[in-house]
Amino acid sequence: MNIALPLIGHDAAQAAFLSAQATGKLHHAWLIEGPAGIGKAQLAHRLAAFMLGARGPAGEPLNAGADDPVMQKCVAGGHPDQRTVQIELNDKGKPRQDITVDQVRDLNHFFTLKPALGGWRVGIIDALDELNRNGANALLKTLEEPPPSSIVFLINHGSQPILPTIRSRCRTLRLSALSDNETRQVLESVGAPKEAAGLARGRPGLGLRLSSQSGMEAASAARTLLRAMPKPTDAVLTAAVQAANVDAVALEAFREEVLGWLADRAETDAPAASAWLETSRLLGEADRLNMEPSQTVSKVIAGLYSVAVQG
């Protein structure tokens, strides 16, 4: 059978939701959180389709086939009782900076309507990290006073803090990075380059995104730099900065290699743990301030010296 929305891994989270549904203890809001690129959105859409009536074979109810009529509507974005909220394009055809409060208000209004097909109304917000403060406050209206026969799935990558009042009104499904084998399965299923697995760190979506030519070259330059610490040559330093400065994917690949290197040492190396926190803070600040990539990379490299010397 051709599964419409296949998902590798995350069996415990799926089982927890199905158990709640089977026992009649289904919460009205589900917070699906974990690192980006591990399948949170895919899980949300599988659960949404299930709530709207899509069904897989016995023992695998979430694995509805591509020929399932409900699933077809969901995948095509044409189911009248499902609404997905995500960043939209502005008048110039470029992505907006965040999910607007008007989008959330539209979702709130959607939930006040009766289900068109007599079942549930289902909403997905992808992702909470991209809600502005006004949007987050508007979302509380639905979470505090959930209409009957309604359910919302909130995806959270963890890149931004969320309001405690939102978290307290949700049941949480925490998803972890995939195993190496699961990661390879996902990447092979979508025809990703073989190099993608080495860039993924358990996050297939990340590996797929970084497996462009610029991403792979930046990752390679970062690894060469890290192996050369604490005394990289000028040529190695220059190559790392130039490779990371090619485009946004290259910068992300460089960042992920550095953060991964620090994380691998953080459990047993206090300077590495401090450097990971400081580097994460620096990268977040660079994003907010639209800092030049070369400037960001130079500051990140400067922070690596103390770790490499003490390590």
C-alpha atoms as a PDB file:
ATOM      1  CA  MET A   1       0.000   0.000   0.000  1.00  0.00           C
ATOM      2  CA  ASN A   2       1.183   3.502  -0.829  1.00  0.00           C
ATOM      3  CA  ILE A   3       1.011   5.369   2.500  1.00  0.00           C
ATOM      4  CA  ALA A   4      -0.001   8.986   1.910  1.00  0.00           C
ATOM      5  CA  LEU A   5       1.914  10.510   4.840  1.00  0.00           C
ATOM      6  CA  PRO A   6       4.603   8.006   5.876  1.00  0.00           C
ATOM      7  CA  LEU A   7       6.462   8.592   9.119  1.00  0.00           C
ATOM      8  CA  ILE A   8       9.546   6.749  10.333  1.00  0.00           C
ATOM      9  CA  GLY A   9      10.100   6.733  14.082  1.00  0.00           C
ATOM     10  CA  HIS A  10       8.125   8.454  16.848  1.00  0.00           C
ATOM     11  CA  ASP A  11       6.125   5.310  17.645  1.00  0.00           C
ATOM     12  CA  ALA A  12       5.656   6.255  21.312  1.00  0.00           C
ATOM     13  CA  ALA A  13       4.141   9.650  20.475  1.00  0.00           C
ATOM     14  CA  GLN A  14       1.726   8.133  17.988  1.00  0.00           C
ATOM     15  CA  ALA A  15       0.731   5.416  20.441  1.00  0.00           C
ATOM     16  CA  ALA A  16       0.111   8.011  23.171  1.00  0.00           C
ATOM     17  CA  PHE A  17      -2.268   9.953  20.942  1.00  0.00           C
ATOM     18  CA  LEU A  18      -4.131   6.864  19.779  1.00  0.00           C
ATOM     19  CA  SER A  19      -4.502   5.689  23.372  1.00  0.00           C
ATOM     20  CA  ALA A  20      -5.994   9.026  24.410  1.00  0.00           C
ATOM     21  CA  GLN A  21      -8.399   8.907  21.479  1.00  0.00           C
ATOM     22  CA  ALA A  22      -9.442   5.329  22.167  1.00  0.00           C
ATOM     23  CA  THR A  23     -10.130   5.978  25.844  1.00  0.00           C
ATOM     24  CA  GLY A  24     -12.126   9.156  25.213  1.00  0.00           C
ATOM     25  CA  LYS A  25      -9.522  11.316  26.993  1.00  0.00           C
ATOM     26  CA  LEU A  26      -8.566  13.331  23.959  1.00  0.00           C
ATOM     27  CA  HIS A  27      -7.182  16.750  24.844  1.00  0.00           C
ATOM     28  CA  HIS A  28      -8.285  19.690  22.708  1.00  0.00           C
ATOM     29  CA  ALA A  29      -4.724  21.002  22.148  1.00  0.00           C
ATOM     30  CA  TRP A  30      -1.550  19.015  21.447  1.00  0.00           C
ATOM     31  CA  LEU A  31       1.922  20.514  21.594  1.00  0.00           C
ATOM     32  CA  ILE A  32       4.250  18.561  19.303  1.00  0.00           C
ATOM     33  CA  GLU A  33       7.779  19.625  20.118  1.00  0.00           C
ATOM     34  CA  GLY A  34      11.343  18.629  19.374  1.00  0.00           C
ATOM     35  CA  PRO A  35      14.238  19.652  17.119  1.00  0.00           C
ATOM     36  CA  ALA A  36      13.480  20.929  13.639  1.00  0.00           C
ATOM     37  CA  GLY A  37      13.650  18.435  10.810  1.00  0.00           C
ATOM     38  CA  ILE A  38      12.528  15.261  12.595  1.00  0.00           C
ATOM     39  CA  GLY A  39       8.956  14.915  11.284  1.00  0.00           C
ATOM     40  CA  LYS A  40       6.802  16.962  13.671  1.00  0.00           C
ATOM     41  CA  ALA A  41       4.743  18.505  10.873  1.00  0.00           C
ATOM     42  CA  GLN A  42       4.300  15.113   9.234  1.00  0.00           C
ATOM     43  CA  LEU A  43       3.010  13.709  12.521  1.00  0.00           C
ATOM     44  CA  ALA A  44       0.621  16.647  12.959  1.00  0.00           C
ATOM     45  CA  HIS A  45      -0.851  16.119   9.494  1.00  0.00           C
ATOM     46  CA  ARG A  46      -1.182  12.356  10.072  1.00  0.00           C
ATOM     47  CA  LEU A  47      -3.080  12.985  13.305  1.00  0.00           C
ATOM     48  CA  ALA A  48      -5.227  15.664  11.667  1.00  0.00           C
ATOM     49  CA  ALA A  49      -6.208  13.327   8.835  1.00  0.00           C
ATOM     50  CA  PHE A  50      -6.996  10.583  11.348  1.00  0.00           C
ATOM     51  CA  MET A  51      -9.300  12.902  13.310  1.00  0.00           C
ATOM     52  CA  LEU A  52     -11.104  13.764  10.076  1.00  0.00           C
ATOM     53  CA  GLY A  53     -11.704  10.108   9.278  1.00  0.00           C
ATOM     54  CA  ALA A  54      -8.716   8.837   7.270  1.00  0.00           C
ATOM     55  CA  ARG A  55      -7.843   5.270   8.272  1.00  0.00           C
ATOM     56  CA  GLY A  56      -5.037   2.862   7.576  1.00  0.00           C
ATOM     57  CA  PRO A  57      -5.166  -0.947   7.858  1.00  0.00           C
ATOM     58  CA  ALA A  58      -5.901  -2.760  11.112  1.00  0.00           C
ATOM     59  CA  GLY A  59      -3.124  -2.156  13.609  1.00  0.00           C
ATOM     60  CA  GLU A  60      -1.828   0.849  11.660  1.00  0.00           C
ATOM     61  CA  PRO A  61      -4.700   3.356  11.735  1.00  0.00           C
ATOM     62  CA  LEU A  62      -2.482   6.365  10.981  1.00  0.00           C
ATOM     63  CA  ASN A  63      -1.071   4.800   7.808  1.00  0.00           C
ATOM     64  CA  ALA A  64      -3.931   5.777   5.517  1.00  0.00           C
ATOM     65  CA  GLY A  65      -3.253   5.114   1.860  1.00  0.00           C
ATOM     66  CA  ALA A  66      -3.013   7.676  -0.888  1.00  0.00           C
ATOM     67  CA  ASP A  67      -6.328   6.373  -2.227  1.00  0.00           C
ATOM     68  CA  ASP A  68      -8.202   7.142   1.007  1.00  0.00           C
ATOM     69  CA  PRO A  69     -10.761   9.848   0.039  1.00  0.00           C
ATOM     70  CA  VAL A  70     -10.378  11.784   3.290  1.00  0.00           C
ATOM     71  CA  MET A  71      -6.596  11.661   3.058  1.00  0.00           C
ATOM     72  CA  GLN A  72      -6.744  12.890  -0.517  1.00  0.00           C
ATOM     73  CA  LYS A  73      -8.616  16.003   0.596  1.00  0.00           C
ATOM     74  CA  CYS A  74      -6.167  16.580   3.471  1.00  0.00           C
ATOM     75  CA  VAL A  75      -3.051  16.176   1.347  1.00  0.00           C
ATOM     76  CA  ALA A  76      -4.462  18.469  -1.337  1.00  0.00           C
ATOM     77  CA  GLY A  77      -5.275  21.106   1.283  1.00  0.00           C
ATOM     78  CA  GLY A  78      -8.921  20.993   0.336  1.00  0.00           C
ATOM     79  CA  HIS A  79     -10.598  19.481   3.396  1.00  0.00           C
ATOM     80  CA  PRO A  80     -13.170  22.018   4.612  1.00  0.00           C
ATOM     81  CA  ASP A  81     -12.679  21.052   8.262  1.00  0.00           C
ATOM     82  CA  GLN A  82      -8.885  21.410   8.373  1.00  0.00           C
ATOM     83  CA  ARG A  83      -6.951  24.653   8.575  1.00  0.00           C
ATOM     84  CA  THR A  84      -3.146  24.960   8.595  1.00  0.00           C
ATOM     85  CA  VAL A  85      -1.537  28.202   9.733  1.00  0.00           C
ATOM     86  CA  GLN A  86       2.023  28.969   8.664  1.00  0.00           C
ATOM     87  CA  ILE A  87       4.086  31.898   7.462  1.00  0.00           C
ATOM     88  CA  GLU A  88       2.565  33.445   4.339  1.00  0.00           C
ATOM     89  CA  LEU A  89       4.112  35.431   1.513  1.00  0.00           C
ATOM     90  CA  ASN A  90       4.009  39.222   1.499  1.00  0.00           C
ATOM     91  CA  ASP A  91       2.986  41.430  -1.433  1.00  0.00           C
ATOM     92  CA  LYS A  92       6.454  40.975  -2.962  1.00  0.00           C
ATOM     93  CA  GLY A  93       6.201  37.200  -2.915  1.00  0.00           C
ATOM     94  CA  LYS A  94       8.668  36.777  -0.060  1.00  0.00           C
ATOM     95  CA  PRO A  95       7.970  35.025   3.278  1.00  0.00           C
ATOM     96  CA  ARG A  96       6.800  37.268   6.080  1.00  0.00           C
ATOM     97  CA  GLN A  97       8.857  37.442   9.255  1.00  0.00           C
ATOM     98  CA  ASP A  98       6.227  35.743  11.380  1.00  0.00           C
ATOM     99  CA  ILE A  99       2.712  34.339  11.582  1.00  0.00           C
ATOM    100  CA  THR A 100       0.436  37.335  11.991  1.00  0.00           C
ATOM    101  CA  VAL A 101      -2.244  37.924  14.569  1.00  0.00           C
ATOM    102  CA  ASP A 102      -4.840  38.105  11.779  1.00  0.00           C
ATOM    103  CA  GLN A 103      -3.986  34.552  10.742  1.00  0.00           C
ATOM    104  CA  VAL A 104      -4.564  33.350  14.290  1.00  0.00           C
ATOM    105  CA  ARG A 105      -7.832  35.271  14.511  1.00  0.00           C
ATOM    106  CA  ASP A 106      -8.950  33.577  11.289  1.00  0.00           C
ATOM    107  CA  LEU A 107      -8.179  30.227  12.903  1.00  0.00           C
ATOM    108  CA  ASN A 108     -10.165  31.210  15.986  1.00  0.00           C
ATOM    109  CA  HIS A 109     -13.116  32.095  13.767  1.00  0.00           C
ATOM    110  CA  PHE A 110     -12.756  28.808  11.887  1.00  0.00           C
ATOM    111  CA  PHE A 111     -13.221  26.962  15.181  1.00  0.00           C
ATOM    112  CA  THR A 112     -16.476  28.785  15.907  1.00  0.00           C
ATOM    113  CA  LEU A 113     -18.080  27.293  12.792  1.00  0.00           C
ATOM    114  CA  LYS A 114     -19.822  23.942  12.707  1.00  0.00           C
ATOM    115  CA  PRO A 115     -17.877  21.144  10.975  1.00  0.00           C
ATOM    116  CA  ALA A 116     -18.828  21.129   7.310  1.00  0.00           C
ATOM    117  CA  LEU A 117     -18.818  17.326   7.158  1.00  0.00           C
ATOM    118  CA  GLY A 118     -20.305  16.741  10.601  1.00  0.00           C
ATOM    119  CA  GLY A 119     -17.179  15.525  12.372  1.00  0.00           C
ATOM    120  CA  TRP A 120     -14.266  17.482  13.823  1.00  0.00           C
ATOM    121  CA  ARG A 121     -12.642  20.799  13.079  1.00  0.00           C
ATOM    122  CA  VAL A 122      -8.840  20.482  13.075  1.00  0.00           C
ATOM    123  CA  GLY A 123      -6.195  23.190  13.124  1.00  0.00           C
ATOM    124  CA  ILE A 124      -2.413  23.033  12.768  1.00  0.00           C
ATOM    125  CA  ILE A 125      -0.032  25.864  13.626  1.00  0.00           C
ATOM    126  CA  ASP A 126       3.362  25.363  11.988  1.00  0.00           C
ATOM    127  CA  ALA A 127       5.067  26.640  14.029  1.00  0.00           C
ATOM    128  CA  LEU A 128       4.654  28.296  17.414  1.00  0.00           C
ATOM    129  CA  ASP A 129       8.228  29.608  17.098  1.00  0.00           C
ATOM    130  CA  GLU A 130       6.997  31.889  14.325  1.00  0.00           C
ATOM    131  CA  LEU A 131       4.049  33.427  16.202  1.00  0.00           C
ATOM    132  CA  ASN A 132       4.508  37.024  17.271  1.00  0.00           C
ATOM    133  CA  ARG A 133       3.405  38.055  20.755  1.00  0.00           C
ATOM    134  CA  ASN A 134       0.011  39.315  19.600  1.00  0.00           C
ATOM    135  CA  GLY A 135      -0.592  36.077  17.714  1.00  0.00           C
ATOM    136  CA  ALA A 136       0.312  34.015  20.773  1.00  0.00           C
ATOM    137  CA  ASN A 137      -2.104  36.004  22.922  1.00  0.00           C
ATOM    138  CA  ALA A 138      -4.855  35.593  20.330  1.00  0.00           C
ATOM    139  CA  LEU A 139      -4.300  31.834  20.304  1.00  0.00           C
ATOM    140  CA  LEU A 140      -5.061  31.696  24.018  1.00  0.00           C
ATOM    141  CA  LYS A 141      -8.702  32.521  23.275  1.00  0.00           C
ATOM    142  CA  THR A 142      -9.249  29.159  21.603  1.00  0.00           C
ATOM    143  CA  LEU A 143      -7.068  27.263  24.066  1.00  0.00           C
ATOM    144  CA  GLU A 144      -8.935  28.693  27.058  1.00  0.00           C
ATOM    145  CA  GLU A 145     -12.417  28.203  25.607  1.00  0.00           C
ATOM    146  CA  PRO A 146     -12.171  25.279  23.180  1.00  0.00           C
ATOM    147  CA  PRO A 147     -15.269  24.815  21.030  1.00  0.00           C
ATOM    148  CA  PRO A 148     -16.789  21.329  20.963  1.00  0.00           C
ATOM    149  CA  SER A 149     -15.482  18.814  18.392  1.00  0.00           C
ATOM    150  CA  SER A 150     -12.331  20.823  17.778  1.00  0.00           C
ATOM    151  CA  ILE A 151      -8.662  19.970  18.125  1.00  0.00           C
ATOM    152  CA  VAL A 152      -5.484  21.915  17.380  1.00  0.00           C
ATOM    153  CA  PHE A 153      -1.914  20.700  16.870  1.00  0.00           C
ATOM    154  CA  LEU A 154       0.830  23.173  17.747  1.00  0.00           C
ATOM    155  CA  ILE A 155       4.300  22.480  16.345  1.00  0.00           C
ATOM    156  CA  ASN A 156       7.188  23.787  18.424  1.00  0.00           C
ATOM    157  CA  HIS A 157      10.825  23.624  17.284  1.00  0.00           C
ATOM    158  CA  GLY A 158      12.062  25.082  20.562  1.00  0.00           C
ATOM    159  CA  SER A 159      13.904  27.992  18.950  1.00  0.00           C
ATOM    160  CA  GLN A 160      11.840  30.543  20.880  1.00  0.00           C
ATOM    161  CA  PRO A 161      10.248  30.417  24.349  1.00  0.00           C
ATOM    162  CA  ILE A 162       6.494  29.952  24.340  1.00  0.00           C
ATOM    163  CA  LEU A 163       4.040  31.444  26.782  1.00  0.00           C
ATOM    164  CA  PRO A 164       3.580  29.304  29.917  1.00  0.00           C
ATOM    165  CA  THR A 165      -0.155  29.899  29.554  1.00  0.00           C
ATOM    166  CA  ILE A 166      -0.063  28.186  26.163  1.00  0.00           C
ATOM    167  CA  ARG A 167       2.002  25.247  27.391  1.00  0.00           C
ATOM    168  CA  SER A 168      -0.196  24.690  30.429  1.00  0.00           C
ATOM    169  CA  ARG A 169      -3.289  24.311  28.234  1.00  0.00           C
ATOM    170  CA  CYS A 170      -1.782  21.649  25.975  1.00  0.00           C
ATOM    171  CA  ARG A 171      -0.870  18.014  26.212  1.00  0.00           C
ATOM    172  CA  THR A 172       2.701  17.557  25.015  1.00  0.00           C
ATOM    173  CA  LEU A 173       4.123  15.001  22.621  1.00  0.00           C
ATOM    174  CA  ARG A 174       7.926  15.273  22.801  1.00  0.00           C
ATOM    175  CA  LEU A 175       9.746  13.964  19.765  1.00  0.00           C
ATOM    176  CA  SER A 176      13.463  13.171  19.735  1.00  0.00           C
ATOM    177  CA  ALA A 177      16.056  13.077  16.993  1.00  0.00           C
ATOM    178  CA  LEU A 178      15.959   9.857  14.979  1.00  0.00           C
ATOM    179  CA  SER A 179      18.470   7.045  15.168  1.00  0.00           C
ATOM    180  CA  ASP A 180      21.135   6.819  12.454  1.00  0.00           C
ATOM    181  CA  ASN A 181      19.248   3.952  10.828  1.00  0.00           C
ATOM    182  CA  GLU A 182      15.917   5.798  10.904  1.00  0.00           C
ATOM    183  CA  THR A 183      17.582   8.905   9.517  1.00  0.00           C
ATOM    184  CA  ARG A 184      19.033   6.956   6.598  1.00  0.00           C
ATOM    185  CA  GLN A 185      15.632   5.378   5.905  1.00  0.00           C
ATOM    186  CA  VAL A 186      13.932   8.763   5.712  1.00  0.00           C
ATOM    187  CA  LEU A 187      16.604  10.261   3.494  1.00  0.00           C
ATOM    188  CA  GLU A 188      16.694   7.275   1.161  1.00  0.00           C
ATOM    189  CA  SER A 189      12.905   7.382   0.836  1.00  0.00           C
ATOM    190  CA  VAL A 190      13.072  10.913  -0.568  1.00  0.00           C
ATOM    191  CA  GLY A 191      16.105  10.319  -2.771  1.00  0.00           C
ATOM    192  CA  ALA A 192      18.445  12.575  -0.792  1.00  0.00           C
ATOM    193  CA  PRO A 193      22.172  12.628  -1.634  1.00  0.00           C
ATOM    194  CA  LYS A 194      24.186  10.117   0.383  1.00  0.00           C
ATOM    195  CA  GLU A 195      26.034  12.999   2.053  1.00  0.00           C
ATOM    196  CA  ALA A 196      22.797  14.150   3.679  1.00  0.00           C
ATOM    197  CA  ALA A 197      22.978  11.486   6.410  1.00  0.00           C
ATOM    198  CA  GLY A 198      26.307  12.843   7.633  1.00  0.00           C
ATOM    199  CA  LEU A 199      24.850  16.327   7.935  1.00  0.00           C
ATOM    200  CA  ALA A 200      21.584  15.360   9.610  1.00  0.00           C
ATOM    201  CA  ARG A 201      22.536  14.436  13.202  1.00  0.00           C
ATOM    202  CA  GLY A 202      19.246  12.576  13.558  1.00  0.00           C
ATOM    203  CA  ARG A 203      17.263  15.292  11.770  1.00  0.00           C
ATOM    204  CA  PRO A 204      16.504  14.165   8.214  1.00  0.00           C
ATOM    205  CA  GLY A 205      14.925  17.469   7.263  1.00  0.00           C
ATOM    206  CA  LEU A 206      18.124  19.245   8.241  1.00  0.00           C
ATOM    207  CA  GLY A 207      20.289  16.794   6.312  1.00  0.00           C
ATOM    208  CA  LEU A 208      18.142  17.230   3.218  1.00  0.00           C
ATOM    209  CA  ARG A 209      18.268  21.009   3.474  1.00  0.00           C
ATOM    210  CA  LEU A 210      22.031  21.162   3.993  1.00  0.00           C
ATOM    211  CA  SER A 211      22.971  18.715   1.242  1.00  0.00           C
ATOM    212  CA  SER A 212      23.295  21.412  -1.403  1.00  0.00           C
ATOM    213  CA  GLN A 213      26.737  22.037  -2.875  1.00  0.00           C
ATOM    214  CA  SER A 214      27.260  25.137  -0.734  1.00  0.00           C
ATOM    215  CA  GLY A 215      26.041  23.359   2.397  1.00  0.00           C
ATOM    216  CA  MET A 216      28.321  20.370   1.934  1.00  0.00           C
ATOM    217  CA  GLU A 217      31.315  22.564   1.213  1.00  0.00           C
ATOM    218  CA  ALA A 218      30.673  24.725   4.290  1.00  0.00           C
ATOM    219  CA  ALA A 219      30.276  21.641   6.488  1.00  0.00           C
ATOM    220  CA  SER A 220      33.543  20.218   5.153  1.00  0.00           C
ATOM    221  CA  ALA A 221      35.347  23.505   5.778  1.00  0.00           C
ATOM    222  CA  ALA A 222      33.948  23.631   9.319  1.00  0.00           C
ATOM    223  CA  ARG A 223      35.145  20.102  10.054  1.00  0.00           C
ATOM    224  CA  THR A 224      38.606  20.932   8.753  1.00  0.00           C
ATOM    225  CA  LEU A 225      38.656  23.996  10.990  1.00  0.00           C
ATOM    226  CA  LEU A 226      37.539  22.059  14.059  1.00  0.00           C
ATOM    227  CA  ARG A 227      40.162  19.364  13.503  1.00  0.00           C
ATOM    228  CA  ALA A 228      42.832  22.066  13.269  1.00  0.00           C
ATOM    229  CA  MET A 229      41.864  23.814  16.514  1.00  0.00           C
ATOM    230  CA  PRO A 230      43.426  25.413  18.514  1.00  0.00           C
ATOM    231  CA  LYS A 231      46.020  26.313  15.863  1.00  0.00           C
ATOM    232  CA  PRO A 232      44.317  26.502  12.474  1.00  0.00           C
ATOM    233  CA  THR A 233      46.360  28.006   9.676  1.00  0.00           C
ATOM    234  CA  ASP A 234      45.346  31.243   8.025  1.00  0.00           C
ATOM    235  CA  ALA A 235      44.342  29.243   4.957  1.00  0.00           C
ATOM    236  CA  VAL A 236      42.004  27.024   6.986  1.00  0.00           C
ATOM    237  CA  LEU A 237      40.449  30.039   8.703  1.00  0.00           C
ATOM    238  CA  THR A 238      39.950  31.874   5.425  1.00  0.00           C
ATOM    239  CA  ALA A 239      38.453  28.812   3.744  1.00  0.00           C
ATOM    240  CA  ALA A 240      35.951  28.354   6.597  1.00  0.00           C
ATOM    241  CA  VAL A 241      34.809  31.968   6.538  1.00  0.00           C
ATOM    242  CA  GLN A 242      34.494  32.036   2.759  1.00  0.00           C
ATOM    243  CA  ALA A 243      32.614  28.735   2.561  1.00  0.00           C
ATOM    244  CA  ALA A 244      30.124  29.764   5.274  1.00  0.00           C
ATOM    245  CA  ASN A 245      29.569  33.124   3.576  1.00  0.00           C
ATOM    246  CA  VAL A 246      28.259  31.724   0.265  1.00  0.00           C
ATOM    247  CA  ASP A 247      24.549  31.637   1.143  1.00  0.00           C
ATOM    248  CA  ALA A 248      22.067  30.976   3.954  1.00  0.00           C
ATOM    249  CA  VAL A 249      22.353  27.193   3.617  1.00  0.00           C
ATOM    250  CA  ALA A 250      26.148  27.353   3.852  1.00  0.00           C
ATOM    251  CA  LEU A 251      25.960  29.454   7.006  1.00  0.00           C
ATOM    252  CA  GLU A 252      23.477  27.048   8.557  1.00  0.00           C
ATOM    253  CA  ALA A 253      25.701  24.065   7.707  1.00  0.00           C
ATOM    254  CA  PHE A 254      28.687  25.780   9.327  1.00  0.00           C
ATOM    255  CA  ARG A 255      26.639  26.623  12.410  1.00  0.00           C
ATOM    256  CA  GLU A 256      25.347  23.082  12.797  1.00  0.00           C
ATOM    257  CA  GLU A 257      28.845  21.594  12.585  1.00  0.00           C
ATOM    258  CA  VAL A 258      30.157  23.958  15.255  1.00  0.00           C
ATOM    259  CA  LEU A 259      27.191  23.497  17.583  1.00  0.00           C
ATOM    260  CA  GLY A 260      27.368  19.734  17.135  1.00  0.00           C
ATOM    261  CA  TRP A 261      31.087  19.716  17.916  1.00  0.00           C
ATOM    262  CA  LEU A 262      30.475  21.698  21.089  1.00  0.00           C
ATOM    263  CA  ALA A 263      27.474  19.581  22.103  1.00  0.00           C
ATOM    264  CA  ASP A 264      29.501  16.379  21.787  1.00  0.00           C
ATOM    265  CA  ARG A 265      31.928  17.756  24.363  1.00  0.00           C
ATOM    266  CA  ALA A 266      29.501  19.583  26.619  1.00  0.00           C
ATOM    267  CA  GLU A 267      28.570  16.676  28.907  1.00  0.00           C
ATOM    268  CA  THR A 268      32.128  16.203  30.159  1.00  0.00           C
ATOM    269  CA  ASP A 269      33.704  19.562  29.368  1.00  0.00           C
ATOM    270  CA  ALA A 270      32.450  22.627  31.235  1.00  0.00           C
ATOM    271  CA  PRO A 271      34.104  25.145  28.842  1.00  0.00           C
ATOM    272  CA  ALA A 272      32.387  23.415  25.916  1.00  0.00           C
ATOM    273  CA  ALA A 273      29.010  23.655  27.641  1.00  0.00           C
ATOM    274  CA  SER A 274      29.537  27.363  28.265  1.00  0.00           C
ATOM    275  CA  ALA A 275      30.720  27.884  24.704  1.00  0.00           C
ATOM    276  CA  TRP A 276      27.647  26.068  23.346  1.00  0.00           C
ATOM    277  CA  LEU A 277      25.356  28.391  25.284  1.00  0.00           C
ATOM    278  CA  GLU A 278      27.309  31.476  24.254  1.00  0.00           C
ATOM    279  CA  THR A 279      27.441  30.404  20.608  1.00  0.00           C
ATOM    280  CA  SER A 280      23.712  29.691  20.569  1.00  0.00           C
ATOM    281  CA  ARG A 281      23.076  33.125  22.062  1.00  0.00           C
ATOM    282  CA  LEU A 282      25.363  34.747  19.509  1.00  0.00           C
ATOM    283  CA  LEU A 283      23.673  32.996  16.586  1.00  0.00           C
ATOM    284  CA  GLY A 284      20.226  33.991  17.802  1.00  0.00           C
ATOM    285  CA  GLU A 285      21.370  37.579  18.133  1.00  0.00           C
ATOM    286  CA  ALA A 286      22.925  37.479  14.662  1.00  0.00           C
ATOM    287  CA  ASP A 287      19.591  36.362  13.214  1.00  0.00           C
ATOM    288  CA  ARG A 288      17.687  39.138  14.966  1.00  0.00           C
ATOM    289  CA  LEU A 289      20.175  41.805  13.899  1.00  0.00           C
ATOM    290  CA  ASN A 290      20.705  40.464  10.364  1.00  0.00           C
ATOM    291  CA  MET A 291      24.426  40.361  11.051  1.00  0.00           C
ATOM    292  CA  GLU A 292      26.719  39.800   8.076  1.00  0.00           C
ATOM    293  CA  PRO A 293      27.538  36.066   7.751  1.00  0.00           C
ATOM    294  CA  SER A 294      31.290  36.696   7.717  1.00  0.00           C
ATOM    295  CA  GLN A 295      31.013  38.684  10.943  1.00  0.00           C
ATOM    296  CA  THR A 296      28.924  35.933  12.553  1.00  0.00           C
ATOM    297  CA  VAL A 297      31.402  33.237  11.521  1.00  0.00           C
ATOM    298  CA  SER A 298      34.372  35.232  12.784  1.00  0.00           C
ATOM    299  CA  LYS A 299      32.752  35.656  16.198  1.00  0.00           C
ATOM    300  CA  VAL A 300      31.852  31.967  16.382  1.00  0.00           C
ATOM    301  CA  ILE A 301      35.426  30.973  15.542  1.00  0.00           C
ATOM    302  CA  ALA A 302      36.785  33.329  18.201  1.00  0.00           C
ATOM    303  CA  GLY A 303      34.652  31.546  20.794  1.00  0.00           C
ATOM    304  CA  LEU A 304      36.092  28.151  19.852  1.00  0.00           C
ATOM    305  CA  TYR A 305      39.662  28.885  20.864  1.00  0.00           C
ATOM    306  CA  SER A 306      39.181  28.663  24.621  1.00  0.00           C
ATOM    307  CA  VAL A 307      37.368  25.335  24.282  1.00  0.00           C
ATOM    308  CA  ALA A 308      40.023  23.843  22.021  1.00  0.00           C
ATOM    309  CA  VAL A 309      42.871  24.994  24.279  1.00  0.00           C
ATOM    310  CA  GLN A 310      41.289  23.711  27.503  1.00  0.00           C
ATOM    311  CA  GLY A 311      39.949  20.533  25.836  1.00  0.00           C
END
